[in-house]
Amino acid sequence: MDNRKMKDHTAKGLRSLISESDNPVFLLETDQDLIFEANSASIAACGPYNPIGESINNVVHIELPGGLVFFDNRWLEPKRELISLNKKTFTKLVLQHPASIPDENTLFTIRNMIAVLLHRLRSPMTGMQGYLELVGSVSDETDQRKLSKVSEGLDYLFEIMDELELLHHADAFIEDEPDSELSNAESVIREILYTFDPEIRNRISVRNNSQNNFQFNSAELKQILTLLIDNATEHSSGAGHPIKIEIESENRINITNWGSPIPDEIASTLYYPFVTTKANNLGIGLSLAQIIASRRRGIILLTENSEENGICFSLFCSPESLD
């Protein structure tokens, strides 16, 4: 078999290995990382541009360290494996949605369920609150204490419902149009920190490694970072282990605390609502931050999770301009 026939035979064999995947898949010549084949999902995402024969670095944006990939206007996790055909070795690169983050359909279902729950509970709870106000003037001290406990319980339920409302109406946090200018991330962070008590603020250090503006809408950046900083302060171990905020590049901001590492069973579904290590917490903050980030082609990932290096959440924004 001549070289051309051998190459055609190899291409057909490799194409059959990746044709059924819904995820973008590239087959790379291992020695040079040149794209030898790609499945239909990858080809369609490239539009009129033909990726075959190109370096993978010219087709996808690879964020280092960590290797997260930006392709088809979204952040994806790469999975590499070696495969062999006709005595030649190739790298199979599969780009997949991060398993810890719920997809759009899952979030849509969850938010619809929350809407039903809120609708069913609001009216009877408001009625109970009104009834308590009517009978609240009892003279017996024992009865007053009992009614006070019931009232406290209702107030707590209303606080829970207010949290659920935040997730249900997450789109309200998203600006109609992106900023015409990019964000000065350090200024946004300083503005957020000013709202904290001095005791907490003095534990937070900020380091800016980038000379460029952050490629994200500033109003939404403030919403996301507020949620992430709140999460860090809530889970930090105290004054002995300060919180570190690092603007690593124009595409990445890291927020690190030194609390207890997140258990694997929690980390695997961390951005789903109601996943939390705190007894009195609904686990809404990270879900809300993720929704806001995703609307601007951003993503939040747990990039460190150890006693030695801390617990780090990183916000990645699109490497492409919002304009």
C-alpha atoms as a PDB file:
ATOM      1  CA  MET A   1       0.000   0.000   0.000  1.00  0.00           C
ATOM      2  CA  ASP A   2       1.531   3.350  -1.029  1.00  0.00           C
ATOM      3  CA  ASN A   3       1.839   6.292   1.393  1.00  0.00           C
ATOM      4  CA  ARG A   4      -1.246   8.131   0.090  1.00  0.00           C
ATOM      5  CA  LYS A   5      -3.458   5.041   0.422  1.00  0.00           C
ATOM      6  CA  MET A   6      -1.995   4.329   3.842  1.00  0.00           C
ATOM      7  CA  LYS A   7      -2.775   7.889   4.971  1.00  0.00           C
ATOM      8  CA  ASP A   8      -6.331   7.709   3.581  1.00  0.00           C
ATOM      9  CA  HIS A   9      -6.874   4.368   5.290  1.00  0.00           C
ATOM     10  CA  THR A  10      -5.536   5.741   8.584  1.00  0.00           C
ATOM     11  CA  ALA A  11      -7.701   8.873   8.345  1.00  0.00           C
ATOM     12  CA  LYS A  12     -10.865   6.820   7.731  1.00  0.00           C
ATOM     13  CA  GLY A  13     -10.068   4.534  10.650  1.00  0.00           C
ATOM     14  CA  LEU A  14      -9.427   7.436  13.005  1.00  0.00           C
ATOM     15  CA  ARG A  15     -12.480   9.316  11.786  1.00  0.00           C
ATOM     16  CA  SER A  16     -14.662   6.353  12.694  1.00  0.00           C
ATOM     17  CA  LEU A  17     -13.286   6.426  16.245  1.00  0.00           C
ATOM     18  CA  ILE A  18     -14.464   9.980  16.866  1.00  0.00           C
ATOM     19  CA  SER A  19     -17.481  10.412  14.596  1.00  0.00           C
ATOM     20  CA  GLU A  20     -20.133   9.559  17.205  1.00  0.00           C
ATOM     21  CA  SER A  21     -18.975  11.950  19.939  1.00  0.00           C
ATOM     22  CA  ASP A  22     -21.107  15.040  20.609  1.00  0.00           C
ATOM     23  CA  ASN A  23     -18.088  16.739  22.191  1.00  0.00           C
ATOM     24  CA  PRO A  24     -15.417  18.411  20.048  1.00  0.00           C
ATOM     25  CA  VAL A  25     -12.677  15.863  19.382  1.00  0.00           C
ATOM     26  CA  PHE A  26      -9.304  16.405  17.704  1.00  0.00           C
ATOM     27  CA  LEU A  27      -6.767  13.776  16.710  1.00  0.00           C
ATOM     28  CA  LEU A  28      -3.248  15.132  16.930  1.00  0.00           C
ATOM     29  CA  GLU A  29       0.008  13.947  15.506  1.00  0.00           C
ATOM     30  CA  THR A  30       1.707  13.309  18.804  1.00  0.00           C
ATOM     31  CA  ASP A  31       5.165  14.583  17.936  1.00  0.00           C
ATOM     32  CA  GLN A  32       4.014  18.056  16.746  1.00  0.00           C
ATOM     33  CA  ASP A  33       0.462  18.540  18.085  1.00  0.00           C
ATOM     34  CA  LEU A  34      -0.757  19.083  14.514  1.00  0.00           C
ATOM     35  CA  ILE A  35      -4.420  18.294  13.880  1.00  0.00           C
ATOM     36  CA  PHE A  36      -4.655  15.121  11.781  1.00  0.00           C
ATOM     37  CA  GLU A  37      -8.436  14.656  12.043  1.00  0.00           C
ATOM     38  CA  ALA A  38     -11.423  16.281  13.768  1.00  0.00           C
ATOM     39  CA  ASN A  39     -15.017  15.222  14.295  1.00  0.00           C
ATOM     40  CA  SER A  40     -18.076  17.053  12.977  1.00  0.00           C
ATOM     41  CA  ALA A  41     -18.621  19.003  16.240  1.00  0.00           C
ATOM     42  CA  SER A  42     -15.101  20.442  15.969  1.00  0.00           C
ATOM     43  CA  ILE A  43     -15.378  21.188  12.263  1.00  0.00           C
ATOM     44  CA  ALA A  44     -18.746  22.934  12.699  1.00  0.00           C
ATOM     45  CA  ALA A  45     -17.373  25.112  15.528  1.00  0.00           C
ATOM     46  CA  CYS A  46     -14.515  26.274  13.294  1.00  0.00           C
ATOM     47  CA  GLY A  47     -16.938  27.634  10.685  1.00  0.00           C
ATOM     48  CA  PRO A  48     -15.269  28.326   7.341  1.00  0.00           C
ATOM     49  CA  TYR A  49     -11.833  27.762   8.868  1.00  0.00           C
ATOM     50  CA  ASN A  50     -10.359  24.306   8.146  1.00  0.00           C
ATOM     51  CA  PRO A  51      -8.408  23.112  11.210  1.00  0.00           C
ATOM     52  CA  ILE A  52      -6.869  20.013   9.581  1.00  0.00           C
ATOM     53  CA  GLY A  53      -3.097  20.352   9.431  1.00  0.00           C
ATOM     54  CA  GLU A  54      -3.034  23.306  11.832  1.00  0.00           C
ATOM     55  CA  SER A  55      -1.355  23.377  15.229  1.00  0.00           C
ATOM     56  CA  ILE A  56      -3.902  22.803  17.995  1.00  0.00           C
ATOM     57  CA  ASN A  57      -2.636  26.014  19.644  1.00  0.00           C
ATOM     58  CA  ASN A  58      -3.856  28.003  16.612  1.00  0.00           C
ATOM     59  CA  VAL A  59      -7.363  26.547  16.879  1.00  0.00           C
ATOM     60  CA  VAL A  60      -8.069  26.532  20.632  1.00  0.00           C
ATOM     61  CA  HIS A  61      -6.936  28.792  23.459  1.00  0.00           C
ATOM     62  CA  ILE A  62      -5.170  26.773  26.165  1.00  0.00           C
ATOM     63  CA  GLU A  63      -5.026  28.513  29.541  1.00  0.00           C
ATOM     64  CA  LEU A  64      -1.893  27.690  31.507  1.00  0.00           C
ATOM     65  CA  PRO A  65      -1.370  26.565  34.214  1.00  0.00           C
ATOM     66  CA  GLY A  66      -4.143  23.999  34.365  1.00  0.00           C
ATOM     67  CA  GLY A  67      -4.728  23.505  30.654  1.00  0.00           C
ATOM     68  CA  LEU A  68      -8.349  24.682  30.537  1.00  0.00           C
ATOM     69  CA  VAL A  69      -9.426  25.186  26.903  1.00  0.00           C
ATOM     70  CA  PHE A  70     -11.533  27.941  25.333  1.00  0.00           C
ATOM     71  CA  PHE A  71     -13.207  26.737  22.133  1.00  0.00           C
ATOM     72  CA  ASP A  72     -16.559  27.342  20.443  1.00  0.00           C
ATOM     73  CA  ASN A  73     -17.157  30.391  22.706  1.00  0.00           C
ATOM     74  CA  ARG A  74     -16.997  28.343  25.923  1.00  0.00           C
ATOM     75  CA  TRP A  75     -14.532  26.961  28.432  1.00  0.00           C
ATOM     76  CA  LEU A  76     -14.030  23.214  28.286  1.00  0.00           C
ATOM     77  CA  GLU A  77     -11.915  20.643  30.103  1.00  0.00           C
ATOM     78  CA  PRO A  78      -9.471  18.701  27.915  1.00  0.00           C
ATOM     79  CA  LYS A  79      -9.079  14.945  28.154  1.00  0.00           C
ATOM     80  CA  ARG A  80      -6.115  13.391  26.358  1.00  0.00           C
ATOM     81  CA  GLU A  81      -5.404   9.769  25.546  1.00  0.00           C
ATOM     82  CA  LEU A  82      -3.028   7.977  23.206  1.00  0.00           C
ATOM     83  CA  ILE A  83      -4.404   5.721  20.477  1.00  0.00           C
ATOM     84  CA  SER A  84      -2.587   3.663  17.854  1.00  0.00           C
ATOM     85  CA  LEU A  85      -3.575   2.725  14.310  1.00  0.00           C
ATOM     86  CA  ASN A  86      -1.447   1.196  11.559  1.00  0.00           C
ATOM     87  CA  LYS A  87       1.624   1.327  13.826  1.00  0.00           C
ATOM     88  CA  LYS A  88       1.274   5.078  14.331  1.00  0.00           C
ATOM     89  CA  THR A  89       0.385   6.818  17.612  1.00  0.00           C
ATOM     90  CA  PHE A  90      -1.989   9.768  17.850  1.00  0.00           C
ATOM     91  CA  THR A  91      -3.282  11.906  20.694  1.00  0.00           C
ATOM     92  CA  LYS A  92      -7.044  11.963  21.060  1.00  0.00           C
ATOM     93  CA  LEU A  93      -8.072  15.315  22.543  1.00  0.00           C
ATOM     94  CA  VAL A  94     -11.668  15.466  23.798  1.00  0.00           C
ATOM     95  CA  LEU A  95     -13.056  18.833  24.944  1.00  0.00           C
ATOM     96  CA  GLN A  96     -15.898  18.385  27.411  1.00  0.00           C
ATOM     97  CA  HIS A  97     -18.135  20.442  29.659  1.00  0.00           C
ATOM     98  CA  PRO A  98     -16.754  20.399  33.242  1.00  0.00           C
ATOM     99  CA  ALA A  99     -18.611  17.721  35.192  1.00  0.00           C
ATOM    100  CA  SER A 100     -18.883  19.855  38.349  1.00  0.00           C
ATOM    101  CA  ILE A 101     -20.897  22.543  36.535  1.00  0.00           C
ATOM    102  CA  PRO A 102     -24.586  21.985  35.666  1.00  0.00           C
ATOM    103  CA  ASP A 103     -25.446  22.456  32.006  1.00  0.00           C
ATOM    104  CA  GLU A 104     -28.089  24.904  30.759  1.00  0.00           C
ATOM    105  CA  ASN A 105     -30.877  22.303  30.681  1.00  0.00           C
ATOM    106  CA  THR A 106     -30.199  21.186  34.248  1.00  0.00           C
ATOM    107  CA  LEU A 107     -30.132  24.766  35.521  1.00  0.00           C
ATOM    108  CA  PHE A 108     -33.357  25.551  33.649  1.00  0.00           C
ATOM    109  CA  THR A 109     -35.073  22.601  35.355  1.00  0.00           C
ATOM    110  CA  ILE A 110     -33.764  23.560  38.805  1.00  0.00           C
ATOM    111  CA  ARG A 111     -34.830  27.185  38.442  1.00  0.00           C
ATOM    112  CA  ASN A 112     -38.309  26.139  37.276  1.00  0.00           C
ATOM    113  CA  MET A 113     -38.650  23.895  40.333  1.00  0.00           C
ATOM    114  CA  ILE A 114     -37.600  26.804  42.556  1.00  0.00           C
ATOM    115  CA  ALA A 115     -40.219  29.036  40.887  1.00  0.00           C
ATOM    116  CA  VAL A 116     -42.966  26.507  41.691  1.00  0.00           C
ATOM    117  CA  LEU A 117     -41.734  26.149  45.268  1.00  0.00           C
ATOM    118  CA  LEU A 118     -41.671  29.916  45.825  1.00  0.00           C
ATOM    119  CA  HIS A 119     -45.148  30.350  44.365  1.00  0.00           C
ATOM    120  CA  ARG A 120     -46.634  27.614  46.564  1.00  0.00           C
ATOM    121  CA  LEU A 121     -44.992  28.776  49.812  1.00  0.00           C
ATOM    122  CA  ARG A 122     -45.174  32.561  49.669  1.00  0.00           C
ATOM    123  CA  SER A 123     -48.929  32.904  50.116  1.00  0.00           C
ATOM    124  CA  PRO A 124     -49.464  30.549  53.114  1.00  0.00           C
ATOM    125  CA  MET A 125     -46.341  31.859  54.859  1.00  0.00           C
ATOM    126  CA  THR A 126     -47.486  35.462  54.438  1.00  0.00           C
ATOM    127  CA  GLY A 127     -50.863  34.443  55.869  1.00  0.00           C
ATOM    128  CA  MET A 128     -49.207  32.815  58.887  1.00  0.00           C
ATOM    129  CA  GLN A 129     -47.118  35.926  59.459  1.00  0.00           C
ATOM    130  CA  GLY A 130     -50.239  38.094  59.370  1.00  0.00           C
ATOM    131  CA  TYR A 131     -52.024  35.812  61.839  1.00  0.00           C
ATOM    132  CA  LEU A 132     -49.078  36.024  64.255  1.00  0.00           C
ATOM    133  CA  GLU A 133     -49.307  39.800  64.154  1.00  0.00           C
ATOM    134  CA  LEU A 134     -52.985  39.610  65.049  1.00  0.00           C
ATOM    135  CA  VAL A 135     -52.455  37.370  68.066  1.00  0.00           C
ATOM    136  CA  GLY A 136     -49.099  38.869  69.048  1.00  0.00           C
ATOM    137  CA  SER A 137     -50.532  40.967  71.898  1.00  0.00           C
ATOM    138  CA  VAL A 138     -51.054  38.046  74.322  1.00  0.00           C
ATOM    139  CA  SER A 139     -50.275  38.871  77.943  1.00  0.00           C
ATOM    140  CA  ASP A 140     -49.051  35.484  79.142  1.00  0.00           C
ATOM    141  CA  GLU A 141     -45.229  35.350  79.079  1.00  0.00           C
ATOM    142  CA  THR A 142     -45.131  31.660  78.172  1.00  0.00           C
ATOM    143  CA  ASP A 143     -47.416  32.241  75.198  1.00  0.00           C
ATOM    144  CA  GLN A 144     -45.328  35.255  74.153  1.00  0.00           C
ATOM    145  CA  ARG A 145     -42.165  33.125  74.114  1.00  0.00           C
ATOM    146  CA  LYS A 146     -43.876  30.434  72.066  1.00  0.00           C
ATOM    147  CA  LEU A 147     -45.181  32.960  69.555  1.00  0.00           C
ATOM    148  CA  SER A 148     -41.733  34.562  69.399  1.00  0.00           C
ATOM    149  CA  LYS A 149     -40.157  31.217  68.474  1.00  0.00           C
ATOM    150  CA  VAL A 150     -42.748  30.660  65.752  1.00  0.00           C
ATOM    151  CA  SER A 151     -42.066  34.165  64.416  1.00  0.00           C
ATOM    152  CA  GLU A 152     -38.305  33.546  64.383  1.00  0.00           C
ATOM    153  CA  GLY A 153     -38.871  30.327  62.463  1.00  0.00           C
ATOM    154  CA  LEU A 154     -40.988  32.118  59.883  1.00  0.00           C
ATOM    155  CA  ASP A 155     -38.384  34.873  59.499  1.00  0.00           C
ATOM    156  CA  TYR A 156     -35.746  32.205  58.852  1.00  0.00           C
ATOM    157  CA  LEU A 157     -37.941  30.572  56.193  1.00  0.00           C
ATOM    158  CA  PHE A 158     -38.437  33.953  54.497  1.00  0.00           C
ATOM    159  CA  GLU A 159     -34.632  34.434  54.457  1.00  0.00           C
ATOM    160  CA  ILE A 160     -34.267  31.057  52.750  1.00  0.00           C
ATOM    161  CA  MET A 161     -36.880  32.029  50.191  1.00  0.00           C
ATOM    162  CA  ASP A 162     -35.096  35.322  49.540  1.00  0.00           C
ATOM    163  CA  GLU A 163     -31.947  33.315  48.729  1.00  0.00           C
ATOM    164  CA  LEU A 164     -33.919  31.110  46.358  1.00  0.00           C
ATOM    165  CA  GLU A 165     -35.294  34.237  44.691  1.00  0.00           C
ATOM    166  CA  LEU A 166     -31.717  35.316  43.909  1.00  0.00           C
ATOM    167  CA  LEU A 167     -31.086  32.131  41.970  1.00  0.00           C
ATOM    168  CA  HIS A 168     -34.503  32.145  40.299  1.00  0.00           C
ATOM    169  CA  HIS A 169     -33.967  35.720  39.082  1.00  0.00           C
ATOM    170  CA  ALA A 170     -30.248  35.338  38.304  1.00  0.00           C
ATOM    171  CA  ASP A 171     -30.702  37.058  34.937  1.00  0.00           C
ATOM    172  CA  ALA A 172     -31.452  40.300  36.775  1.00  0.00           C
ATOM    173  CA  PHE A 173     -27.748  40.499  37.675  1.00  0.00           C
ATOM    174  CA  ILE A 174     -26.744  40.448  34.018  1.00  0.00           C
ATOM    175  CA  GLU A 175     -26.357  43.728  32.156  1.00  0.00           C
ATOM    176  CA  ASP A 176     -28.295  44.193  28.910  1.00  0.00           C
ATOM    177  CA  GLU A 177     -25.123  45.163  27.077  1.00  0.00           C
ATOM    178  CA  PRO A 178     -21.440  44.574  27.857  1.00  0.00           C
ATOM    179  CA  ASP A 179     -19.317  47.566  28.802  1.00  0.00           C
ATOM    180  CA  SER A 180     -17.800  49.534  25.950  1.00  0.00           C
ATOM    181  CA  GLU A 181     -14.598  49.496  27.993  1.00  0.00           C
ATOM    182  CA  LEU A 182     -12.990  46.583  29.828  1.00  0.00           C
ATOM    183  CA  SER A 183     -12.722  46.385  33.603  1.00  0.00           C
ATOM    184  CA  ASN A 184      -9.985  47.610  35.891  1.00  0.00           C
ATOM    185  CA  ALA A 185     -10.151  44.479  38.042  1.00  0.00           C
ATOM    186  CA  GLU A 186      -8.048  45.873  40.890  1.00  0.00           C
ATOM    187  CA  SER A 187     -10.327  48.912  41.246  1.00  0.00           C
ATOM    188  CA  VAL A 188     -13.377  46.636  41.287  1.00  0.00           C
ATOM    189  CA  ILE A 189     -11.787  44.467  43.989  1.00  0.00           C
ATOM    190  CA  ARG A 190     -10.799  47.478  46.129  1.00  0.00           C
ATOM    191  CA  GLU A 191     -14.363  48.782  45.879  1.00  0.00           C
ATOM    192  CA  ILE A 192     -15.717  45.440  47.079  1.00  0.00           C
ATOM    193  CA  LEU A 193     -13.251  45.196  49.969  1.00  0.00           C
ATOM    194  CA  TYR A 194     -14.245  48.645  51.180  1.00  0.00           C
ATOM    195  CA  THR A 195     -17.661  47.181  52.095  1.00  0.00           C
ATOM    196  CA  PHE A 196     -16.110  44.653  54.507  1.00  0.00           C
ATOM    197  CA  ASP A 197     -15.354  45.285  58.166  1.00  0.00           C
ATOM    198  CA  PRO A 198     -11.707  46.342  58.749  1.00  0.00           C
ATOM    199  CA  GLU A 199     -11.040  43.107  60.656  1.00  0.00           C
ATOM    200  CA  ILE A 200     -11.855  41.039  57.563  1.00  0.00           C
ATOM    201  CA  ARG A 201     -10.443  43.542  55.054  1.00  0.00           C
ATOM    202  CA  ASN A 202      -7.031  43.501  56.759  1.00  0.00           C
ATOM    203  CA  ARG A 203      -6.791  39.762  56.214  1.00  0.00           C
ATOM    204  CA  ILE A 204      -7.208  40.067  52.446  1.00  0.00           C
ATOM    205  CA  SER A 205      -4.215  40.742  50.202  1.00  0.00           C
ATOM    206  CA  VAL A 206      -4.490  41.793  46.555  1.00  0.00           C
ATOM    207  CA  ARG A 207      -1.808  41.202  43.943  1.00  0.00           C
ATOM    208  CA  ASN A 208      -2.026  42.400  40.357  1.00  0.00           C
ATOM    209  CA  ASN A 209       0.241  40.589  37.874  1.00  0.00           C
ATOM    210  CA  SER A 210      -1.407  42.037  34.772  1.00  0.00           C
ATOM    211  CA  GLN A 211      -0.802  45.340  33.045  1.00  0.00           C
ATOM    212  CA  ASN A 212      -4.003  44.977  31.020  1.00  0.00           C
ATOM    213  CA  ASN A 213      -7.653  45.490  31.874  1.00  0.00           C
ATOM    214  CA  PHE A 214      -9.723  42.431  32.653  1.00  0.00           C
ATOM    215  CA  GLN A 215     -11.895  41.366  29.740  1.00  0.00           C
ATOM    216  CA  PHE A 216     -15.233  41.369  31.542  1.00  0.00           C
ATOM    217  CA  ASN A 217     -18.208  43.619  32.129  1.00  0.00           C
ATOM    218  CA  SER A 218     -17.338  45.631  35.273  1.00  0.00           C
ATOM    219  CA  ALA A 219     -20.809  45.542  36.890  1.00  0.00           C
ATOM    220  CA  GLU A 220     -21.035  41.782  36.501  1.00  0.00           C
ATOM    221  CA  LEU A 221     -17.408  41.338  37.554  1.00  0.00           C
ATOM    222  CA  LYS A 222     -18.291  43.076  40.813  1.00  0.00           C
ATOM    223  CA  GLN A 223     -21.249  40.733  41.362  1.00  0.00           C
ATOM    224  CA  ILE A 224     -19.153  37.624  40.724  1.00  0.00           C
ATOM    225  CA  LEU A 225     -16.153  38.668  42.816  1.00  0.00           C
ATOM    226  CA  THR A 226     -18.398  39.740  45.703  1.00  0.00           C
ATOM    227  CA  LEU A 227     -19.892  36.244  45.782  1.00  0.00           C
ATOM    228  CA  LEU A 228     -16.459  34.592  45.557  1.00  0.00           C
ATOM    229  CA  ILE A 229     -14.905  36.812  48.235  1.00  0.00           C
ATOM    230  CA  ASP A 230     -17.912  36.200  50.513  1.00  0.00           C
ATOM    231  CA  ASN A 231     -17.388  32.475  49.982  1.00  0.00           C
ATOM    232  CA  ALA A 232     -13.681  32.788  50.824  1.00  0.00           C
ATOM    233  CA  THR A 233     -14.256  34.792  54.016  1.00  0.00           C
ATOM    234  CA  GLU A 234     -16.931  32.348  55.152  1.00  0.00           C
ATOM    235  CA  HIS A 235     -14.670  29.317  54.731  1.00  0.00           C
ATOM    236  CA  SER A 236     -11.322  30.808  55.783  1.00  0.00           C
ATOM    237  CA  SER A 237      -9.649  29.491  58.938  1.00  0.00           C
ATOM    238  CA  GLY A 238      -9.061  32.926  60.440  1.00  0.00           C
ATOM    239  CA  ALA A 239      -6.395  35.572  60.903  1.00  0.00           C
ATOM    240  CA  GLY A 240      -3.554  33.063  60.772  1.00  0.00           C
ATOM    241  CA  HIS A 241      -4.433  32.175  57.200  1.00  0.00           C
ATOM    242  CA  PRO A 242      -5.283  35.315  55.218  1.00  0.00           C
ATOM    243  CA  ILE A 243      -7.196  35.384  51.947  1.00  0.00           C
ATOM    244  CA  LYS A 244      -5.251  36.069  48.767  1.00  0.00           C
ATOM    245  CA  ILE A 245      -6.716  37.643  45.628  1.00  0.00           C
ATOM    246  CA  GLU A 246      -4.485  37.507  42.576  1.00  0.00           C
ATOM    247  CA  ILE A 247      -5.166  39.061  39.170  1.00  0.00           C
ATOM    248  CA  GLU A 248      -3.043  36.553  37.304  1.00  0.00           C
ATOM    249  CA  SER A 249      -3.715  37.842  33.794  1.00  0.00           C
ATOM    250  CA  GLU A 250      -6.291  39.695  31.720  1.00  0.00           C
ATOM    251  CA  ASN A 251      -8.184  36.400  31.579  1.00  0.00           C
ATOM    252  CA  ARG A 252      -7.884  35.008  35.111  1.00  0.00           C
ATOM    253  CA  ILE A 253      -8.453  36.025  38.754  1.00  0.00           C
ATOM    254  CA  ASN A 254      -7.648  33.664  41.645  1.00  0.00           C
ATOM    255  CA  ILE A 255      -9.201  33.872  45.125  1.00  0.00           C
ATOM    256  CA  THR A 256      -7.524  31.625  47.697  1.00  0.00           C
ATOM    257  CA  ASN A 257      -8.336  30.856  51.330  1.00  0.00           C
ATOM    258  CA  TRP A 258      -6.771  28.368  53.721  1.00  0.00           C
ATOM    259  CA  GLY A 259      -9.806  26.685  55.207  1.00  0.00           C
ATOM    260  CA  SER A 260     -10.441  22.960  55.270  1.00  0.00           C
ATOM    261  CA  PRO A 261     -10.135  21.284  51.838  1.00  0.00           C
ATOM    262  CA  ILE A 262     -13.462  20.601  50.153  1.00  0.00           C
ATOM    263  CA  PRO A 263     -14.406  16.867  50.248  1.00  0.00           C
ATOM    264  CA  ASP A 264     -14.344  15.120  46.877  1.00  0.00           C
ATOM    265  CA  GLU A 265     -18.053  14.301  46.999  1.00  0.00           C
ATOM    266  CA  ILE A 266     -18.826  18.012  47.396  1.00  0.00           C
ATOM    267  CA  ALA A 267     -16.222  19.227  44.884  1.00  0.00           C
ATOM    268  CA  SER A 268     -17.621  16.997  42.129  1.00  0.00           C
ATOM    269  CA  THR A 269     -20.936  18.914  42.099  1.00  0.00           C
ATOM    270  CA  LEU A 270     -19.783  22.173  43.650  1.00  0.00           C
ATOM    271  CA  TYR A 271     -21.676  24.566  41.351  1.00  0.00           C
ATOM    272  CA  TYR A 272     -25.020  22.841  41.649  1.00  0.00           C
ATOM    273  CA  PRO A 273     -27.493  24.646  43.925  1.00  0.00           C
ATOM    274  CA  PHE A 274     -27.874  23.245  47.454  1.00  0.00           C
ATOM    275  CA  VAL A 275     -24.379  21.708  47.504  1.00  0.00           C
ATOM    276  CA  THR A 276     -22.646  23.084  50.593  1.00  0.00           C
ATOM    277  CA  THR A 277     -20.543  22.130  53.619  1.00  0.00           C
ATOM    278  CA  LYS A 278     -22.384  24.597  55.883  1.00  0.00           C
ATOM    279  CA  ALA A 279     -25.492  23.498  57.817  1.00  0.00           C
ATOM    280  CA  ASN A 280     -27.253  26.871  57.471  1.00  0.00           C
ATOM    281  CA  ASN A 281     -26.189  27.583  53.899  1.00  0.00           C
ATOM    282  CA  LEU A 282     -28.155  26.787  50.716  1.00  0.00           C
ATOM    283  CA  GLY A 283     -25.104  26.711  48.450  1.00  0.00           C
ATOM    284  CA  ILE A 284     -26.564  29.397  46.183  1.00  0.00           C
ATOM    285  CA  GLY A 285     -23.571  31.766  45.907  1.00  0.00           C
ATOM    286  CA  LEU A 286     -21.306  29.716  43.658  1.00  0.00           C
ATOM    287  CA  SER A 287     -24.240  28.708  41.449  1.00  0.00           C
ATOM    288  CA  LEU A 288     -25.263  32.336  41.005  1.00  0.00           C
ATOM    289  CA  ALA A 289     -21.693  33.443  40.286  1.00  0.00           C
ATOM    290  CA  GLN A 290     -21.353  30.670  37.696  1.00  0.00           C
ATOM    291  CA  ILE A 291     -24.583  31.688  35.926  1.00  0.00           C
ATOM    292  CA  ILE A 292     -23.474  35.325  35.663  1.00  0.00           C
ATOM    293  CA  ALA A 293     -19.999  34.328  34.430  1.00  0.00           C
ATOM    294  CA  SER A 294     -21.324  31.924  31.810  1.00  0.00           C
ATOM    295  CA  ARG A 295     -23.482  34.636  30.204  1.00  0.00           C
ATOM    296  CA  ARG A 296     -20.251  36.442  29.276  1.00  0.00           C
ATOM    297  CA  ARG A 297     -18.450  33.256  28.185  1.00  0.00           C
ATOM    298  CA  GLY A 298     -16.652  32.997  31.511  1.00  0.00           C
ATOM    299  CA  ILE A 299     -16.268  30.125  33.970  1.00  0.00           C
ATOM    300  CA  ILE A 300     -15.385  29.583  37.633  1.00  0.00           C
ATOM    301  CA  LEU A 301     -13.395  26.514  38.623  1.00  0.00           C
ATOM    302  CA  LEU A 302     -11.867  25.081  41.770  1.00  0.00           C
ATOM    303  CA  THR A 303      -8.183  25.133  40.768  1.00  0.00           C
ATOM    304  CA  GLU A 304      -6.559  24.279  44.138  1.00  0.00           C
ATOM    305  CA  ASN A 305      -7.946  22.202  46.979  1.00  0.00           C
ATOM    306  CA  SER A 306      -5.329  21.222  49.553  1.00  0.00           C
ATOM    307  CA  GLU A 307      -3.999  22.168  52.969  1.00  0.00           C
ATOM    308  CA  GLU A 308      -0.626  23.113  51.460  1.00  0.00           C
ATOM    309  CA  ASN A 309      -1.815  25.360  48.607  1.00  0.00           C
ATOM    310  CA  GLY A 310      -5.197  26.418  49.952  1.00  0.00           C
ATOM    311  CA  ILE A 311      -8.629  26.368  48.373  1.00  0.00           C
ATOM    312  CA  CYS A 312      -8.558  28.468  45.220  1.00  0.00           C
ATOM    313  CA  PHE A 313     -11.442  29.463  42.981  1.00  0.00           C
ATOM    314  CA  SER A 314     -10.429  30.951  39.641  1.00  0.00           C
ATOM    315  CA  LEU A 315     -12.565  33.130  37.395  1.00  0.00           C
ATOM    316  CA  PHE A 316     -11.636  32.697  33.738  1.00  0.00           C
ATOM    317  CA  CYS A 317     -13.010  35.178  31.234  1.00  0.00           C
ATOM    318  CA  SER A 318     -13.157  34.857  27.487  1.00  0.00           C
ATOM    319  CA  PRO A 319      -9.767  35.400  25.808  1.00  0.00           C
ATOM    320  CA  GLU A 320     -11.672  37.245  23.095  1.00  0.00           C
ATOM    321  CA  SER A 321     -12.871  40.839  23.449  1.00  0.00           C
ATOM    322  CA  LEU A 322     -16.475  41.525  24.438  1.00  0.00           C
ATOM    323  CA  ASP A 323     -16.737  44.125  21.676  1.00  0.00           C
END
